[in-house]
Amino acid sequence: MSITVDIQLESILRVGVCGCFVGHGWIAFSGAEASKWRGYLAAGGFTSAEAVILLPLIGLLDIAIGILTLFYPLSLVTIWAAAWAFATAAIRPIAGESIWAAIERAGNWATPLALVYLHAHRQVSRSALPSWFPPWLADMLDPSLSWDLSLKYVFTLIVALLGCVLVLRTLRSR
């Protein structure tokens, strides 16, 4: 694949991820489909009150992921985007919708996954990262971060988020 085609393909994928995440992020942040999403979050074990708090936060995170991917795609962020989009597609049949509701959303998770694949097969210079970053943060934000290390970071983040949810629920029930 020539450099030109490679860059064009990356640009198309970056715009696709940005459009998907900024669009869905705005819907979540604005509450445009709040009743539907309260049902999805309920299928995931969250109460309606928790969903009201989580939806705008999820929306802001989605918007940030979309914008970051457009301007500075990071393997860690795009793997998170693929995992999150897959989870939001998979929750639909769990919430009682048809399996087709999940299948039709394959592009939402396949687009960031394709971007990760493209980055994994290309050498990216670390010089793109600011020199003042601490080494551990520079390693996490390296655009060419390996697939397995990115997955470890993403799963660590998921466990940390679930831990926060459990702590907050415990504090609330007291």
Protein backbone atom coordinates (compact mmCIF):
# COMPACT_ATOMS: atom_id res chain seq x y z
CA MET A 1 0.00 0.00 0.00
CA SER A 2 1.46 3.34 -0.94
CA ILE A 3 1.96 6.10 1.62
CA THR A 4 -0.67 8.23 -0.10
CA VAL A 5 -3.33 5.52 0.01
CA ASP A 6 -2.31 4.68 3.59
CA ILE A 7 -2.73 8.30 4.69
CA GLN A 8 -6.03 8.62 2.82
CA LEU A 9 -7.38 5.45 4.40
CA GLU A 10 -6.33 6.64 7.86
CA SER A 11 -8.06 9.99 7.25
CA ILE A 12 -11.29 8.28 6.22
CA LEU A 13 -11.22 6.05 9.30
CA ARG A 14 -10.45 8.98 11.60
CA VAL A 15 -13.40 10.96 10.21
CA GLY A 16 -15.61 7.87 10.59
CA VAL A 17 -14.68 7.36 14.24
CA CYS A 18 -15.05 11.08 14.95
CA GLY A 19 -18.49 11.27 13.33
CA CYS A 20 -19.73 8.18 15.14
CA PHE A 21 -18.48 9.20 18.58
CA VAL A 22 -19.24 12.93 18.41
CA GLY A 23 -22.73 12.19 17.05
CA HIS A 24 -23.55 9.53 19.61
CA GLY A 25 -21.84 11.56 22.32
CA TRP A 26 -24.05 14.55 21.63
CA ILE A 27 -27.16 12.35 21.74
CA ALA A 28 -26.09 10.98 25.15
CA PHE A 29 -25.01 14.36 26.53
CA SER A 30 -28.16 16.17 25.40
CA GLY A 31 -30.47 13.43 26.64
CA ALA A 32 -32.14 13.14 23.22
CA GLU A 33 -32.67 9.39 23.64
CA ALA A 34 -32.43 9.21 27.44
CA SER A 35 -35.41 6.90 27.96
CA LYS A 36 -34.03 4.33 25.52
CA TRP A 37 -30.55 4.50 27.07
CA ARG A 38 -31.91 4.19 30.60
CA GLY A 39 -33.25 0.82 29.42
CA TYR A 40 -29.86 -0.21 28.03
CA LEU A 41 -28.09 0.83 31.21
CA ALA A 42 -30.72 -1.02 33.26
CA ALA A 43 -29.87 -4.15 31.25
CA GLY A 44 -26.27 -3.52 32.32
CA GLY A 45 -27.28 -3.36 35.99
CA PHE A 46 -27.56 0.41 36.49
CA THR A 47 -30.53 2.12 38.13
CA SER A 48 -32.48 4.88 36.42
CA ALA A 49 -30.97 7.45 38.80
CA GLU A 50 -27.46 6.25 37.94
CA ALA A 51 -28.28 6.39 34.25
CA VAL A 52 -29.33 10.03 34.54
CA ILE A 53 -25.89 10.84 35.98
CA LEU A 54 -23.93 8.57 33.65
CA LEU A 55 -25.45 9.55 30.29
CA PRO A 56 -24.02 13.08 30.10
CA LEU A 57 -20.64 11.80 31.30
CA ILE A 58 -20.68 9.04 28.68
CA GLY A 59 -21.64 11.65 26.11
CA LEU A 60 -18.72 13.91 27.02
CA LEU A 61 -16.31 10.97 26.93
CA ASP A 62 -17.62 9.93 23.50
CA ILE A 63 -17.19 13.47 22.17
CA ALA A 64 -13.64 13.61 23.55
CA ILE A 65 -12.81 10.24 21.96
CA GLY A 66 -14.15 11.40 18.60
CA ILE A 67 -12.24 14.69 18.61
CA LEU A 68 -9.02 13.11 19.88
CA THR A 69 -9.20 10.39 17.24
CA LEU A 70 -9.70 12.95 14.50
CA PHE A 71 -6.69 15.06 15.47
CA TYR A 72 -4.34 12.65 17.26
CA PRO A 73 -5.40 9.00 17.11
CA LEU A 74 -3.90 6.89 19.87
CA SER A 75 -4.01 3.09 19.94
CA LEU A 76 -5.21 3.15 23.53
CA VAL A 77 -8.12 5.45 22.68
CA THR A 78 -9.12 3.65 19.48
CA ILE A 79 -9.06 0.26 21.21
CA TRP A 80 -11.28 1.76 23.93
CA ALA A 81 -13.55 3.15 21.19
CA ALA A 82 -13.85 -0.27 19.54
CA ALA A 83 -14.53 -2.01 22.87
CA TRP A 84 -17.08 0.60 23.96
CA ALA A 85 -18.88 0.58 20.60
CA PHE A 86 -19.00 -3.22 20.65
CA ALA A 87 -20.41 -3.18 24.19
CA THR A 88 -23.09 -0.63 23.29
CA ALA A 89 -24.09 -2.75 20.29
CA ALA A 90 -24.08 -5.97 22.33
CA ILE A 91 -26.30 -4.50 25.08
CA ARG A 92 -29.23 -4.17 22.67
CA PRO A 93 -30.13 -7.88 22.43
CA ILE A 94 -29.48 -8.17 26.18
CA ALA A 95 -32.02 -5.36 26.67
CA GLY A 96 -34.59 -7.28 24.62
CA GLU A 97 -34.01 -5.91 21.12
CA SER A 98 -33.37 -8.05 18.08
CA ILE A 99 -29.87 -9.35 17.35
CA TRP A 100 -30.09 -7.24 14.18
CA ALA A 101 -29.94 -4.12 16.36
CA ALA A 102 -26.42 -5.22 17.32
CA ILE A 103 -25.39 -6.42 13.87
CA GLU A 104 -26.34 -3.16 12.17
CA ARG A 105 -23.94 -1.33 14.48
CA ALA A 106 -20.86 -3.32 13.40
CA GLY A 107 -19.45 -0.25 11.66
CA ASN A 108 -19.41 1.61 14.98
CA TRP A 109 -16.79 -0.76 16.42
CA ALA A 110 -15.17 -2.03 13.21
CA THR A 111 -14.09 1.48 12.15
CA PRO A 112 -11.92 2.17 15.24
CA LEU A 113 -10.69 -1.43 15.10
CA ALA A 114 -9.57 -0.91 11.49
CA LEU A 115 -7.74 2.24 12.56
CA VAL A 116 -5.94 0.30 15.32
CA TYR A 117 -5.02 -2.40 12.79
CA LEU A 118 -3.67 0.21 10.38
CA HIS A 119 -1.54 1.80 13.11
CA ALA A 120 -0.26 -1.58 14.31
CA HIS A 121 1.14 -2.29 10.85
CA ARG A 122 2.89 1.02 10.44
CA GLN A 123 5.94 2.43 12.15
CA VAL A 124 5.06 5.69 13.88
CA SER A 125 7.70 8.03 15.21
CA ARG A 126 7.62 8.68 18.95
CA SER A 127 8.93 12.15 18.23
CA ALA A 128 5.31 13.18 17.67
CA LEU A 129 4.85 13.11 21.46
CA PRO A 130 5.83 16.15 23.52
CA SER A 131 9.22 15.68 25.19
CA TRP A 132 7.95 17.02 28.55
CA PHE A 133 5.60 14.04 29.02
CA PRO A 134 6.63 11.71 31.85
CA PRO A 135 7.97 8.42 30.40
CA TRP A 136 5.08 6.30 31.70
CA LEU A 137 2.54 8.67 30.14
CA ALA A 138 4.52 8.89 26.91
CA ASP A 139 4.46 5.09 26.73
CA MET A 140 0.68 5.02 27.21
CA LEU A 141 0.08 7.76 24.63
CA ASP A 142 2.47 6.40 22.01
CA PRO A 143 0.42 6.14 18.78
CA SER A 144 2.26 2.92 17.92
CA LEU A 145 1.55 1.29 21.29
CA SER A 146 1.42 -2.46 20.82
CA TRP A 147 -1.94 -4.20 20.60
CA ASP A 148 -1.38 -6.34 23.69
CA LEU A 149 -0.18 -3.45 25.84
CA SER A 150 -3.11 -1.30 24.69
CA LEU A 151 -5.52 -4.09 25.66
CA LYS A 152 -3.91 -4.32 29.09
CA TYR A 153 -4.37 -0.58 29.61
CA VAL A 154 -7.98 -0.70 28.37
CA PHE A 155 -8.88 -3.64 30.63
CA THR A 156 -7.18 -1.92 33.57
CA LEU A 157 -9.30 1.17 32.87
CA ILE A 158 -12.46 -0.95 32.69
CA VAL A 159 -11.65 -2.63 36.03
CA ALA A 160 -10.91 0.79 37.59
CA LEU A 161 -14.23 2.18 36.31
CA LEU A 162 -16.15 -0.82 37.61
CA GLY A 163 -14.36 -0.43 40.94
CA CYS A 164 -15.48 3.21 41.10
CA VAL A 165 -19.06 2.18 40.37
CA LEU A 166 -18.97 -0.42 43.15
CA VAL A 167 -17.49 2.06 45.64
CA LEU A 168 -20.09 4.70 44.76
CA ARG A 169 -22.92 2.19 45.08
CA THR A 170 -21.60 1.05 48.47
CA LEU A 171 -21.37 4.64 49.72
CA ARG A 172 -24.87 5.41 48.43
CA SER A 173 -26.42 2.38 50.13
CA ARG A 174 -25.13 3.41 53.58
